[in-house]
Amino acid sequence: MTAPHQLLAVHGLYAITDPHLTPDDRLLPAAEAALFGGARLLQYRDKTASQDQRRRRASQLRGLCHEYDALFIVNDDPVLAAEVGADGVHIGQSDGGIAAARALLGDQRIIGVTCHGDLALARSAADAGADYLAMGRFFASRTKPQAPPAAITSLEQACREFHLPVVAIGGVNADNAPQLIQAGAASVAVIEALFGHSDPADIEAAARRISALF
């Protein structure tokens, strides 16, 4: 199992980068603004950059996160997560599975799994050893408009049923996050409401608004 201090840290604002909103020249300033504003986890998500570029940026982001005592998570790539010493990886339903990620990362790293709004997927992920469950999308999302919608009742049930942190994702902002937190979400994952701002000062302010909800 993951170290208890890490599990407890899957809480609060979870910032996720996006290659369109945080292109290479803006990535580090945007990420630091979110961390300075209170993000407790940061996920590096970029499926378009070269492997060398992703390795370099992931290493830089890991160092930045640890300066702010935040967790650094790599999206969809357990190999990269292992190479750069990330705190964990977030995988989807078609990214090789929990067992393969655990074999690469060991027991002390976090593995989060996308479960959409499907409690059966969440149950399978929990049984397979996931450290957190990501549920959503709960609201309209410009970043992932095709993601299947999820009902807040599924979030409530997941939070009741599983003894794991549940991360709520999908169109989350400071105005709608309170209902997800009230439903039991340990963390809310945010992309557009943070990194849709071009000015780092606005990213920081948005992060502070959401972080203050916890």
N, C-alpha and C. Protein backbone atom coordinates (compact mmCIF):
# COMPACT_ATOMS: atom_id res chain seq x y z
N MET A 1 0.84 -1.21 0.00
CA MET A 1 0.00 0.00 0.00
C MET A 1 0.87 1.25 0.00
N THR A 2 0.30 2.32 -0.49
CA THR A 2 1.00 3.60 -0.49
C THR A 2 1.20 4.11 0.93
N ALA A 3 2.30 4.80 1.14
CA ALA A 3 2.58 5.35 2.46
C ALA A 3 1.42 6.24 2.92
N PRO A 4 1.03 6.13 4.20
CA PRO A 4 -0.13 6.88 4.69
C PRO A 4 -0.05 8.37 4.45
N HIS A 5 1.15 8.97 4.57
CA HIS A 5 1.23 10.42 4.39
C HIS A 5 0.90 10.81 2.96
N GLN A 6 1.19 9.92 2.02
CA GLN A 6 0.86 10.22 0.63
C GLN A 6 -0.64 10.12 0.39
N LEU A 7 -1.26 9.11 0.97
CA LEU A 7 -2.71 8.97 0.79
C LEU A 7 -3.44 10.17 1.38
N LEU A 8 -2.99 10.60 2.54
CA LEU A 8 -3.62 11.76 3.15
C LEU A 8 -3.45 13.00 2.28
N ALA A 9 -2.37 13.02 1.48
CA ALA A 9 -2.10 14.19 0.66
C ALA A 9 -2.95 14.23 -0.60
N VAL A 10 -3.67 13.15 -0.92
CA VAL A 10 -4.61 13.19 -2.05
C VAL A 10 -5.85 13.91 -1.55
N HIS A 11 -5.72 15.21 -1.45
CA HIS A 11 -6.75 16.05 -0.83
C HIS A 11 -6.55 17.47 -1.32
N GLY A 12 -7.66 18.14 -1.59
CA GLY A 12 -7.56 19.54 -1.99
C GLY A 12 -7.54 19.72 -3.49
N LEU A 13 -6.95 20.82 -3.92
CA LEU A 13 -6.93 21.16 -5.34
C LEU A 13 -5.91 20.32 -6.09
N TYR A 14 -6.35 19.71 -7.17
CA TYR A 14 -5.54 18.84 -8.02
C TYR A 14 -5.48 19.51 -9.39
N ALA A 15 -4.35 20.13 -9.71
CA ALA A 15 -4.19 20.85 -10.97
C ALA A 15 -3.68 19.90 -12.05
N ILE A 16 -4.27 19.99 -13.25
CA ILE A 16 -3.85 19.15 -14.36
C ILE A 16 -3.47 20.04 -15.53
N THR A 17 -2.25 19.87 -16.02
CA THR A 17 -1.80 20.68 -17.15
C THR A 17 -2.42 20.18 -18.45
N ASP A 18 -2.39 21.04 -19.44
CA ASP A 18 -2.96 20.71 -20.74
C ASP A 18 -2.08 21.35 -21.81
N PRO A 19 -1.66 20.59 -22.83
CA PRO A 19 -0.69 21.15 -23.78
C PRO A 19 -1.22 22.34 -24.58
N HIS A 20 -2.53 22.46 -24.71
CA HIS A 20 -3.09 23.59 -25.43
C HIS A 20 -3.19 24.83 -24.54
N LEU A 21 -3.54 24.62 -23.28
CA LEU A 21 -3.66 25.75 -22.35
C LEU A 21 -2.33 26.13 -21.72
N THR A 22 -1.45 25.13 -21.58
CA THR A 22 -0.14 25.38 -20.98
C THR A 22 0.95 24.89 -21.94
N PRO A 23 1.12 25.57 -23.09
CA PRO A 23 2.17 25.16 -24.02
C PRO A 23 3.53 25.28 -23.37
N ASP A 24 4.51 24.73 -24.04
CA ASP A 24 5.82 24.53 -23.42
C ASP A 24 6.39 25.80 -22.78
N ASP A 25 6.26 26.94 -23.43
CA ASP A 25 6.87 28.15 -22.89
C ASP A 25 6.11 28.70 -21.68
N ARG A 26 4.87 28.24 -21.48
CA ARG A 26 4.07 28.74 -20.36
C ARG A 26 3.93 27.70 -19.24
N LEU A 27 4.39 26.49 -19.49
CA LEU A 27 4.10 25.38 -18.57
C LEU A 27 4.61 25.64 -17.15
N LEU A 28 5.88 25.94 -17.03
CA LEU A 28 6.45 26.08 -15.68
C LEU A 28 5.89 27.28 -14.92
N PRO A 29 5.77 28.47 -15.53
CA PRO A 29 5.16 29.58 -14.80
C PRO A 29 3.71 29.31 -14.40
N ALA A 30 2.96 28.65 -15.29
CA ALA A 30 1.56 28.35 -14.97
C ALA A 30 1.48 27.35 -13.83
N ALA A 31 2.31 26.31 -13.89
CA ALA A 31 2.30 25.30 -12.84
C ALA A 31 2.69 25.91 -11.49
N GLU A 32 3.71 26.76 -11.50
CA GLU A 32 4.14 27.36 -10.24
C GLU A 32 3.06 28.28 -9.67
N ALA A 33 2.35 28.98 -10.55
CA ALA A 33 1.26 29.83 -10.07
C ALA A 33 0.17 29.01 -9.39
N ALA A 34 -0.16 27.87 -9.97
CA ALA A 34 -1.17 27.00 -9.36
C ALA A 34 -0.69 26.46 -8.01
N LEU A 35 0.56 26.08 -7.95
CA LEU A 35 1.12 25.56 -6.69
C LEU A 35 1.19 26.66 -5.63
N PHE A 36 1.60 27.85 -6.04
CA PHE A 36 1.66 28.97 -5.11
C PHE A 36 0.26 29.31 -4.60
N GLY A 37 -0.74 29.07 -5.43
CA GLY A 37 -2.13 29.32 -5.03
C GLY A 37 -2.74 28.22 -4.19
N GLY A 38 -2.00 27.15 -3.97
CA GLY A 38 -2.48 26.13 -3.04
C GLY A 38 -2.75 24.76 -3.61
N ALA A 39 -2.44 24.51 -4.89
CA ALA A 39 -2.65 23.16 -5.42
C ALA A 39 -1.81 22.16 -4.64
N ARG A 40 -2.44 21.05 -4.26
CA ARG A 40 -1.74 20.03 -3.46
C ARG A 40 -1.22 18.88 -4.31
N LEU A 41 -1.77 18.76 -5.52
CA LEU A 41 -1.29 17.77 -6.48
C LEU A 41 -1.23 18.46 -7.85
N LEU A 42 -0.26 18.04 -8.65
CA LEU A 42 -0.16 18.54 -10.01
C LEU A 42 0.10 17.35 -10.94
N GLN A 43 -0.72 17.25 -11.97
CA GLN A 43 -0.55 16.17 -12.94
C GLN A 43 -0.04 16.76 -14.25
N TYR A 44 1.03 16.16 -14.77
CA TYR A 44 1.58 16.55 -16.06
C TYR A 44 0.92 15.71 -17.14
N ARG A 45 0.16 16.38 -18.01
CA ARG A 45 -0.56 15.69 -19.07
C ARG A 45 -0.21 16.34 -20.41
N ASP A 46 0.54 15.61 -21.23
CA ASP A 46 0.90 16.10 -22.55
C ASP A 46 1.19 14.90 -23.44
N LYS A 47 0.27 14.60 -24.34
CA LYS A 47 0.41 13.45 -25.23
C LYS A 47 1.02 13.84 -26.57
N THR A 48 1.40 15.11 -26.74
CA THR A 48 1.87 15.59 -28.04
C THR A 48 3.37 15.86 -28.08
N ALA A 49 3.99 16.12 -26.96
CA ALA A 49 5.42 16.44 -26.92
C ALA A 49 6.25 15.19 -27.19
N SER A 50 7.51 15.42 -27.58
CA SER A 50 8.43 14.30 -27.78
C SER A 50 8.77 13.67 -26.42
N GLN A 51 9.28 12.44 -26.47
CA GLN A 51 9.63 11.76 -25.23
C GLN A 51 10.71 12.52 -24.47
N ASP A 52 11.70 13.06 -25.18
CA ASP A 52 12.76 13.82 -24.52
C ASP A 52 12.19 15.07 -23.85
N GLN A 53 11.30 15.75 -24.55
CA GLN A 53 10.69 16.96 -23.99
C GLN A 53 9.85 16.61 -22.77
N ARG A 54 9.09 15.54 -22.85
CA ARG A 54 8.25 15.13 -21.73
C ARG A 54 9.11 14.75 -20.52
N ARG A 55 10.21 14.09 -20.78
CA ARG A 55 11.10 13.70 -19.67
C ARG A 55 11.68 14.94 -19.01
N ARG A 56 12.11 15.90 -19.82
CA ARG A 56 12.70 17.13 -19.27
C ARG A 56 11.68 17.91 -18.46
N ARG A 57 10.49 18.10 -19.04
CA ARG A 57 9.46 18.87 -18.34
C ARG A 57 8.98 18.15 -17.09
N ALA A 58 8.83 16.85 -17.17
CA ALA A 58 8.38 16.10 -15.99
C ALA A 58 9.39 16.22 -14.85
N SER A 59 10.68 16.17 -15.19
CA SER A 59 11.71 16.33 -14.15
C SER A 59 11.64 17.72 -13.52
N GLN A 60 11.43 18.72 -14.36
CA GLN A 60 11.34 20.09 -13.84
C GLN A 60 10.10 20.27 -12.96
N LEU A 61 8.99 19.71 -13.41
CA LEU A 61 7.75 19.83 -12.63
C LEU A 61 7.84 19.07 -11.31
N ARG A 62 8.49 17.92 -11.33
CA ARG A 62 8.67 17.18 -10.09
C ARG A 62 9.41 18.04 -9.07
N GLY A 63 10.51 18.67 -9.50
CA GLY A 63 11.26 19.53 -8.58
C GLY A 63 10.42 20.69 -8.08
N LEU A 64 9.64 21.28 -8.97
CA LEU A 64 8.79 22.41 -8.60
C LEU A 64 7.74 21.98 -7.57
N CYS A 65 7.09 20.85 -7.83
CA CYS A 65 6.07 20.36 -6.89
C CYS A 65 6.66 20.12 -5.51
N HIS A 66 7.85 19.56 -5.47
CA HIS A 66 8.43 19.23 -4.18
C HIS A 66 8.89 20.48 -3.44
N GLU A 67 9.19 21.54 -4.18
CA GLU A 67 9.47 22.83 -3.51
C GLU A 67 8.24 23.32 -2.75
N TYR A 68 7.06 23.01 -3.27
CA TYR A 68 5.81 23.46 -2.65
C TYR A 68 5.15 22.36 -1.82
N ASP A 69 5.88 21.28 -1.58
CA ASP A 69 5.37 20.17 -0.76
C ASP A 69 4.07 19.61 -1.35
N ALA A 70 4.03 19.56 -2.68
CA ALA A 70 2.87 19.01 -3.38
C ALA A 70 3.27 17.72 -4.09
N LEU A 71 2.28 16.91 -4.42
CA LEU A 71 2.54 15.65 -5.10
C LEU A 71 2.59 15.86 -6.61
N PHE A 72 3.52 15.19 -7.26
CA PHE A 72 3.65 15.25 -8.71
C PHE A 72 3.22 13.93 -9.33
N ILE A 73 2.24 14.00 -10.21
CA ILE A 73 1.66 12.82 -10.86
C ILE A 73 1.86 12.94 -12.37
N VAL A 74 2.23 11.84 -13.00
CA VAL A 74 2.36 11.79 -14.46
C VAL A 74 1.12 11.12 -15.05
N ASN A 75 0.63 11.67 -16.14
CA ASN A 75 -0.56 11.11 -16.78
C ASN A 75 -0.18 9.97 -17.73
N ASP A 76 -0.82 8.82 -17.54
CA ASP A 76 -0.83 7.73 -18.53
C ASP A 76 0.50 7.06 -18.84
N ASP A 77 1.57 7.38 -18.13
CA ASP A 77 2.89 6.87 -18.52
C ASP A 77 3.68 6.41 -17.29
N PRO A 78 3.44 5.18 -16.82
CA PRO A 78 4.17 4.69 -15.65
C PRO A 78 5.69 4.66 -15.86
N VAL A 79 6.13 4.41 -17.10
CA VAL A 79 7.56 4.37 -17.37
C VAL A 79 8.18 5.75 -17.11
N LEU A 80 7.55 6.80 -17.64
CA LEU A 80 8.05 8.15 -17.41
C LEU A 80 7.99 8.50 -15.92
N ALA A 81 6.90 8.12 -15.26
CA ALA A 81 6.78 8.39 -13.83
C ALA A 81 7.93 7.76 -13.05
N ALA A 82 8.29 6.54 -13.42
CA ALA A 82 9.40 5.86 -12.75
C ALA A 82 10.73 6.54 -13.07
N GLU A 83 10.92 6.94 -14.33
CA GLU A 83 12.19 7.55 -14.75
C GLU A 83 12.47 8.85 -14.00
N VAL A 84 11.44 9.66 -13.78
CA VAL A 84 11.67 10.98 -13.17
C VAL A 84 11.43 10.99 -11.67
N GLY A 85 11.08 9.85 -11.09
CA GLY A 85 10.83 9.80 -9.65
C GLY A 85 9.57 10.53 -9.24
N ALA A 86 8.53 10.47 -10.09
CA ALA A 86 7.25 11.09 -9.75
C ALA A 86 6.64 10.43 -8.53
N ASP A 87 5.74 11.14 -7.88
CA ASP A 87 5.04 10.56 -6.72
C ASP A 87 4.01 9.53 -7.15
N GLY A 88 3.65 9.53 -8.42
CA GLY A 88 2.69 8.54 -8.88
C GLY A 88 2.31 8.75 -10.33
N VAL A 89 1.31 7.96 -10.75
CA VAL A 89 0.82 8.00 -12.12
C VAL A 89 -0.69 7.95 -12.09
N HIS A 90 -1.28 8.58 -13.09
CA HIS A 90 -2.73 8.48 -13.28
C HIS A 90 -2.97 7.73 -14.58
N ILE A 91 -3.75 6.66 -14.53
CA ILE A 91 -3.98 5.86 -15.72
C ILE A 91 -5.47 5.79 -16.04
N GLY A 92 -5.74 5.66 -17.34
CA GLY A 92 -7.11 5.47 -17.80
C GLY A 92 -7.45 3.99 -17.87
N GLN A 93 -8.56 3.71 -18.52
CA GLN A 93 -9.01 2.32 -18.60
C GLN A 93 -8.25 1.52 -19.67
N SER A 94 -7.43 2.19 -20.47
CA SER A 94 -6.72 1.48 -21.54
C SER A 94 -5.22 1.77 -21.51
N ASP A 95 -4.69 1.98 -20.31
CA ASP A 95 -3.28 2.36 -20.18
C ASP A 95 -2.42 1.30 -19.53
N GLY A 96 -2.78 0.04 -19.68
CA GLY A 96 -1.90 -1.03 -19.23
C GLY A 96 -2.24 -1.65 -17.89
N GLY A 97 -3.11 -1.02 -17.13
CA GLY A 97 -3.58 -1.64 -15.91
C GLY A 97 -2.75 -1.32 -14.68
N ILE A 98 -3.36 -1.55 -13.53
CA ILE A 98 -2.75 -1.21 -12.25
C ILE A 98 -1.56 -2.11 -11.94
N ALA A 99 -1.69 -3.40 -12.23
CA ALA A 99 -0.61 -4.33 -11.89
C ALA A 99 0.69 -3.97 -12.58
N ALA A 100 0.60 -3.62 -13.86
CA ALA A 100 1.81 -3.26 -14.61
C ALA A 100 2.41 -1.98 -14.06
N ALA A 101 1.56 -1.00 -13.73
CA ALA A 101 2.06 0.25 -13.16
C ALA A 101 2.70 0.01 -11.80
N ARG A 102 2.08 -0.84 -11.00
CA ARG A 102 2.62 -1.13 -9.67
C ARG A 102 3.97 -1.83 -9.77
N ALA A 103 4.11 -2.71 -10.76
CA ALA A 103 5.38 -3.41 -10.94
C ALA A 103 6.51 -2.43 -11.26
N LEU A 104 6.19 -1.38 -12.00
CA LEU A 104 7.19 -0.38 -12.34
C LEU A 104 7.48 0.58 -11.19
N LEU A 105 6.42 0.97 -10.48
CA LEU A 105 6.54 2.06 -9.50
C LEU A 105 6.73 1.60 -8.07
N GLY A 106 6.37 0.36 -7.77
CA GLY A 106 6.50 -0.12 -6.40
C GLY A 106 5.33 0.29 -5.52
N ASP A 107 5.41 -0.10 -4.27
CA ASP A 107 4.29 0.09 -3.36
C ASP A 107 4.20 1.50 -2.78
N GLN A 108 5.26 2.29 -2.90
CA GLN A 108 5.27 3.59 -2.24
C GLN A 108 4.83 4.74 -3.15
N ARG A 109 4.43 4.42 -4.37
CA ARG A 109 3.97 5.45 -5.30
C ARG A 109 2.46 5.36 -5.48
N ILE A 110 1.88 6.46 -5.82
CA ILE A 110 0.42 6.57 -5.96
C ILE A 110 -0.01 6.15 -7.37
N ILE A 111 -1.06 5.37 -7.44
CA ILE A 111 -1.68 5.04 -8.72
C ILE A 111 -3.15 5.46 -8.66
N GLY A 112 -3.50 6.42 -9.51
CA GLY A 112 -4.89 6.85 -9.62
C GLY A 112 -5.49 6.33 -10.91
N VAL A 113 -6.79 6.09 -10.89
CA VAL A 113 -7.44 5.46 -12.03
C VAL A 113 -8.71 6.21 -12.41
N THR A 114 -8.88 6.46 -13.71
CA THR A 114 -10.10 7.05 -14.24
C THR A 114 -11.22 6.02 -14.21
N CYS A 115 -12.33 6.37 -13.56
CA CYS A 115 -13.46 5.46 -13.45
C CYS A 115 -14.74 6.04 -14.03
N HIS A 116 -14.65 7.23 -14.63
CA HIS A 116 -15.81 7.92 -15.20
C HIS A 116 -16.89 8.03 -14.11
N GLY A 117 -18.11 7.68 -14.42
CA GLY A 117 -19.16 7.67 -13.40
C GLY A 117 -19.59 6.26 -13.07
N ASP A 118 -18.73 5.30 -13.37
CA ASP A 118 -19.07 3.88 -13.34
C ASP A 118 -18.59 3.23 -12.04
N LEU A 119 -19.52 2.88 -11.18
CA LEU A 119 -19.15 2.29 -9.90
C LEU A 119 -18.52 0.91 -10.06
N ALA A 120 -18.88 0.19 -11.12
CA ALA A 120 -18.26 -1.11 -11.37
C ALA A 120 -16.78 -0.94 -11.70
N LEU A 121 -16.45 0.08 -12.50
CA LEU A 121 -15.05 0.36 -12.79
C LEU A 121 -14.31 0.78 -11.52
N ALA A 122 -14.98 1.59 -10.71
CA ALA A 122 -14.37 2.03 -9.45
C ALA A 122 -14.11 0.84 -8.54
N ARG A 123 -15.05 -0.07 -8.48
CA ARG A 123 -14.91 -1.27 -7.64
C ARG A 123 -13.73 -2.12 -8.12
N SER A 124 -13.63 -2.28 -9.43
CA SER A 124 -12.53 -3.06 -9.99
C SER A 124 -11.18 -2.41 -9.70
N ALA A 125 -11.14 -1.10 -9.85
CA ALA A 125 -9.90 -0.38 -9.58
C ALA A 125 -9.51 -0.48 -8.11
N ALA A 126 -10.48 -0.33 -7.24
CA ALA A 126 -10.21 -0.44 -5.80
C ALA A 126 -9.70 -1.84 -5.46
N ASP A 127 -10.34 -2.86 -6.02
CA ASP A 127 -9.94 -4.24 -5.76
C ASP A 127 -8.53 -4.53 -6.29
N ALA A 128 -8.16 -3.84 -7.38
CA ALA A 128 -6.86 -4.08 -8.01
C ALA A 128 -5.72 -3.29 -7.35
N GLY A 129 -6.08 -2.45 -6.37
CA GLY A 129 -5.04 -1.75 -5.63
C GLY A 129 -4.82 -0.30 -5.97
N ALA A 130 -5.81 0.35 -6.59
CA ALA A 130 -5.69 1.78 -6.87
C ALA A 130 -5.57 2.55 -5.55
N ASP A 131 -4.87 3.67 -5.60
CA ASP A 131 -4.72 4.52 -4.41
C ASP A 131 -5.73 5.66 -4.37
N TYR A 132 -6.23 6.06 -5.53
CA TYR A 132 -7.37 6.97 -5.57
C TYR A 132 -8.20 6.68 -6.81
N LEU A 133 -9.46 7.08 -6.76
CA LEU A 133 -10.39 6.88 -7.86
C LEU A 133 -10.80 8.23 -8.40
N ALA A 134 -10.72 8.41 -9.71
CA ALA A 134 -11.15 9.66 -10.34
C ALA A 134 -12.51 9.44 -10.98
N MET A 135 -13.48 10.24 -10.57
CA MET A 135 -14.85 10.12 -11.07
C MET A 135 -15.23 11.40 -11.81
N GLY A 136 -15.97 11.26 -12.89
CA GLY A 136 -16.44 12.43 -13.64
C GLY A 136 -16.54 12.09 -15.13
N ARG A 137 -17.04 13.00 -15.97
CA ARG A 137 -17.11 14.43 -15.75
C ARG A 137 -18.47 14.81 -15.16
N PHE A 138 -18.46 15.72 -14.21
CA PHE A 138 -19.69 16.13 -13.55
C PHE A 138 -20.34 17.36 -14.17
N PHE A 139 -19.55 18.14 -14.91
CA PHE A 139 -20.06 19.34 -15.55
C PHE A 139 -19.51 19.41 -16.98
N ALA A 140 -20.08 20.29 -17.78
CA ALA A 140 -19.59 20.44 -19.15
C ALA A 140 -18.12 20.83 -19.14
N SER A 141 -17.36 20.19 -20.00
CA SER A 141 -15.92 20.42 -20.03
C SER A 141 -15.47 20.78 -21.43
N ARG A 142 -14.78 21.91 -21.54
CA ARG A 142 -14.23 22.30 -22.85
C ARG A 142 -12.94 21.54 -23.13
N THR A 143 -12.28 21.05 -22.08
CA THR A 143 -11.04 20.32 -22.27
C THR A 143 -11.31 18.91 -22.79
N LYS A 144 -12.35 18.27 -22.22
CA LYS A 144 -12.72 16.92 -22.66
C LYS A 144 -14.22 16.86 -22.90
N PRO A 145 -14.69 17.51 -23.97
CA PRO A 145 -16.14 17.59 -24.20
C PRO A 145 -16.79 16.25 -24.48
N GLN A 146 -16.02 15.28 -24.96
CA GLN A 146 -16.59 13.97 -25.31
C GLN A 146 -16.61 13.00 -24.12
N ALA A 147 -16.04 13.39 -22.99
CA ALA A 147 -16.04 12.50 -21.83
C ALA A 147 -17.48 12.23 -21.38
N PRO A 148 -17.80 10.98 -21.04
CA PRO A 148 -19.17 10.67 -20.65
C PRO A 148 -19.57 11.41 -19.37
N PRO A 149 -20.80 11.90 -19.29
CA PRO A 149 -21.23 12.60 -18.08
C PRO A 149 -21.41 11.63 -16.92
N ALA A 150 -21.25 12.15 -15.73
CA ALA A 150 -21.42 11.35 -14.51
C ALA A 150 -22.37 12.09 -13.57
N ALA A 151 -23.13 11.32 -12.81
CA ALA A 151 -24.08 11.89 -11.85
C ALA A 151 -23.40 12.07 -10.50
N ILE A 152 -23.75 13.16 -9.82
CA ILE A 152 -23.16 13.39 -8.50
C ILE A 152 -23.56 12.29 -7.52
N THR A 153 -24.69 11.63 -7.77
CA THR A 153 -25.07 10.50 -6.91
C THR A 153 -24.04 9.38 -7.00
N SER A 154 -23.39 9.21 -8.17
CA SER A 154 -22.35 8.17 -8.27
C SER A 154 -21.13 8.55 -7.44
N LEU A 155 -20.84 9.85 -7.37
CA LEU A 155 -19.75 10.32 -6.53
C LEU A 155 -20.07 10.06 -5.06
N GLU A 156 -21.28 10.37 -4.66
CA GLU A 156 -21.69 10.14 -3.27
C GLU A 156 -21.56 8.67 -2.91
N GLN A 157 -22.01 7.81 -3.80
CA GLN A 157 -21.96 6.37 -3.51
C GLN A 157 -20.52 5.87 -3.45
N ALA A 158 -19.69 6.34 -4.38
CA ALA A 158 -18.29 5.93 -4.37
C ALA A 158 -17.60 6.36 -3.07
N CYS A 159 -17.89 7.57 -2.63
CA CYS A 159 -17.28 8.06 -1.39
C CYS A 159 -17.74 7.26 -0.18
N ARG A 160 -18.98 6.79 -0.22
CA ARG A 160 -19.48 5.95 0.88
C ARG A 160 -18.88 4.55 0.83
N GLU A 161 -18.76 4.01 -0.36
CA GLU A 161 -18.42 2.59 -0.51
C GLU A 161 -16.93 2.29 -0.38
N PHE A 162 -16.09 3.18 -0.91
CA PHE A 162 -14.66 2.87 -1.01
C PHE A 162 -13.86 3.64 0.03
N HIS A 163 -12.94 2.94 0.66
CA HIS A 163 -12.08 3.58 1.65
C HIS A 163 -10.84 4.14 0.97
N LEU A 164 -11.09 4.91 -0.06
CA LEU A 164 -10.03 5.53 -0.85
C LEU A 164 -10.42 6.97 -1.14
N PRO A 165 -9.44 7.86 -1.35
CA PRO A 165 -9.79 9.20 -1.79
C PRO A 165 -10.44 9.15 -3.16
N VAL A 166 -11.50 9.93 -3.33
CA VAL A 166 -12.16 10.05 -4.63
C VAL A 166 -11.91 11.46 -5.15
N VAL A 167 -11.40 11.54 -6.37
CA VAL A 167 -11.11 12.81 -7.03
C VAL A 167 -12.23 13.09 -8.04
N ALA A 168 -12.85 14.25 -7.95
CA ALA A 168 -13.93 14.63 -8.87
C ALA A 168 -13.34 15.50 -9.98
N ILE A 169 -13.73 15.20 -11.22
CA ILE A 169 -13.17 15.90 -12.37
C ILE A 169 -14.26 16.21 -13.39
N GLY A 170 -14.00 17.22 -14.20
CA GLY A 170 -14.89 17.50 -15.32
C GLY A 170 -15.62 18.82 -15.19
N GLY A 171 -15.06 19.88 -15.76
CA GLY A 171 -15.71 21.19 -15.73
C GLY A 171 -15.76 21.83 -14.36
N VAL A 172 -14.84 21.45 -13.48
CA VAL A 172 -14.87 21.94 -12.10
C VAL A 172 -14.31 23.36 -12.02
N ASN A 173 -15.00 24.20 -11.26
CA ASN A 173 -14.52 25.56 -10.99
C ASN A 173 -14.90 25.94 -9.57
N ALA A 174 -14.57 27.15 -9.17
CA ALA A 174 -14.82 27.57 -7.79
C ALA A 174 -16.30 27.62 -7.45
N ASP A 175 -17.15 27.81 -8.44
CA ASP A 175 -18.59 27.92 -8.19
C ASP A 175 -19.27 26.56 -8.00
N ASN A 176 -18.81 25.54 -8.75
CA ASN A 176 -19.49 24.24 -8.62
C ASN A 176 -18.73 23.22 -7.77
N ALA A 177 -17.49 23.53 -7.42
CA ALA A 177 -16.72 22.59 -6.60
C ALA A 177 -17.36 22.31 -5.24
N PRO A 178 -18.01 23.28 -4.59
CA PRO A 178 -18.57 22.99 -3.26
C PRO A 178 -19.52 21.79 -3.24
N GLN A 179 -20.34 21.62 -4.28
CA GLN A 179 -21.27 20.48 -4.25
C GLN A 179 -20.54 19.16 -4.39
N LEU A 180 -19.39 19.14 -5.06
CA LEU A 180 -18.60 17.92 -5.15
C LEU A 180 -17.93 17.61 -3.82
N ILE A 181 -17.43 18.63 -3.17
CA ILE A 181 -16.81 18.45 -1.85
C ILE A 181 -17.86 18.00 -0.85
N GLN A 182 -19.05 18.59 -0.92
CA GLN A 182 -20.13 18.19 -0.02
C GLN A 182 -20.54 16.74 -0.26
N ALA A 183 -20.42 16.28 -1.50
CA ALA A 183 -20.76 14.89 -1.83
C ALA A 183 -19.70 13.92 -1.34
N GLY A 184 -18.55 14.43 -0.91
CA GLY A 184 -17.53 13.57 -0.33
C GLY A 184 -16.20 13.55 -1.05
N ALA A 185 -16.06 14.28 -2.16
CA ALA A 185 -14.79 14.28 -2.89
C ALA A 185 -13.65 14.76 -2.00
N ALA A 186 -12.57 13.99 -1.98
CA ALA A 186 -11.39 14.39 -1.22
C ALA A 186 -10.60 15.46 -1.96
N SER A 187 -10.79 15.50 -3.28
CA SER A 187 -10.02 16.39 -4.13
C SER A 187 -10.84 16.72 -5.36
N VAL A 188 -10.59 17.89 -5.94
CA VAL A 188 -11.20 18.24 -7.22
C VAL A 188 -10.09 18.52 -8.22
N ALA A 189 -10.20 17.91 -9.39
CA ALA A 189 -9.21 18.09 -10.44
C ALA A 189 -9.67 19.20 -11.37
N VAL A 190 -8.78 20.14 -11.64
CA VAL A 190 -9.15 21.35 -12.38
C VAL A 190 -8.14 21.60 -13.49
N ILE A 191 -8.66 21.89 -14.67
CA ILE A 191 -7.81 22.23 -15.81
C ILE A 191 -8.15 23.63 -16.29
N GLU A 192 -9.29 23.77 -16.97
CA GLU A 192 -9.68 25.02 -17.62
C GLU A 192 -9.81 26.19 -16.65
N ALA A 193 -10.43 25.94 -15.49
CA ALA A 193 -10.67 27.04 -14.55
C ALA A 193 -9.38 27.60 -13.97
N LEU A 194 -8.29 26.83 -14.09
CA LEU A 194 -6.97 27.34 -13.71
C LEU A 194 -6.22 27.84 -14.92
N PHE A 195 -5.94 26.90 -15.83
CA PHE A 195 -5.00 27.18 -16.91
C PHE A 195 -5.66 27.80 -18.13
N GLY A 196 -6.96 28.05 -18.06
CA GLY A 196 -7.60 28.86 -19.08
C GLY A 196 -7.20 30.32 -18.96
N HIS A 197 -6.59 30.70 -17.85
CA HIS A 197 -6.05 32.05 -17.66
C HIS A 197 -4.64 32.12 -18.23
N SER A 198 -4.32 33.20 -18.90
CA SER A 198 -2.97 33.34 -19.46
C SER A 198 -2.01 34.00 -18.49
N ASP A 199 -2.53 34.79 -17.57
CA ASP A 199 -1.68 35.51 -16.61
C ASP A 199 -1.47 34.64 -15.37
N PRO A 200 -0.20 34.37 -15.01
CA PRO A 200 0.04 33.57 -13.81
C PRO A 200 -0.65 34.12 -12.55
N ALA A 201 -0.80 35.42 -12.46
CA ALA A 201 -1.48 36.00 -11.30
C ALA A 201 -2.94 35.57 -11.24
N ASP A 202 -3.57 35.43 -12.39
CA ASP A 202 -4.96 34.97 -12.44
C ASP A 202 -5.06 33.48 -12.13
N ILE A 203 -4.06 32.71 -12.56
CA ILE A 203 -4.03 31.29 -12.21
C ILE A 203 -3.90 31.12 -10.70
N GLU A 204 -3.00 31.89 -10.13
CA GLU A 204 -2.82 31.83 -8.67
C GLU A 204 -4.11 32.19 -7.93
N ALA A 205 -4.77 33.25 -8.38
CA ALA A 205 -6.00 33.68 -7.72
C ALA A 205 -7.08 32.62 -7.83
N ALA A 206 -7.21 32.00 -9.01
CA ALA A 206 -8.20 30.93 -9.19
C ALA A 206 -7.88 29.74 -8.29
N ALA A 207 -6.60 29.41 -8.18
CA ALA A 207 -6.18 28.30 -7.32
C ALA A 207 -6.52 28.60 -5.86
N ARG A 208 -6.33 29.83 -5.44
CA ARG A 208 -6.61 30.20 -4.05
C ARG A 208 -8.11 30.08 -3.76
N ARG A 209 -8.93 30.49 -4.72
CA ARG A 209 -10.38 30.40 -4.52
C ARG A 209 -10.83 28.96 -4.31
N ILE A 210 -10.30 28.06 -5.13
CA ILE A 210 -10.71 26.66 -5.02
C ILE A 210 -10.07 26.01 -3.79
N SER A 211 -8.80 26.29 -3.53
CA SER A 211 -8.13 25.70 -2.37
C SER A 211 -8.82 26.08 -1.07
N ALA A 212 -9.36 27.30 -1.03
CA ALA A 212 -10.01 27.79 0.19
C ALA A 212 -11.29 27.02 0.51
N LEU A 213 -11.80 26.26 -0.45
CA LEU A 213 -13.03 25.50 -0.22
C LEU A 213 -12.80 24.27 0.65
N PHE A 214 -11.55 23.86 0.78
CA PHE A 214 -11.25 22.64 1.55
C PHE A 214 -10.90 22.99 2.99
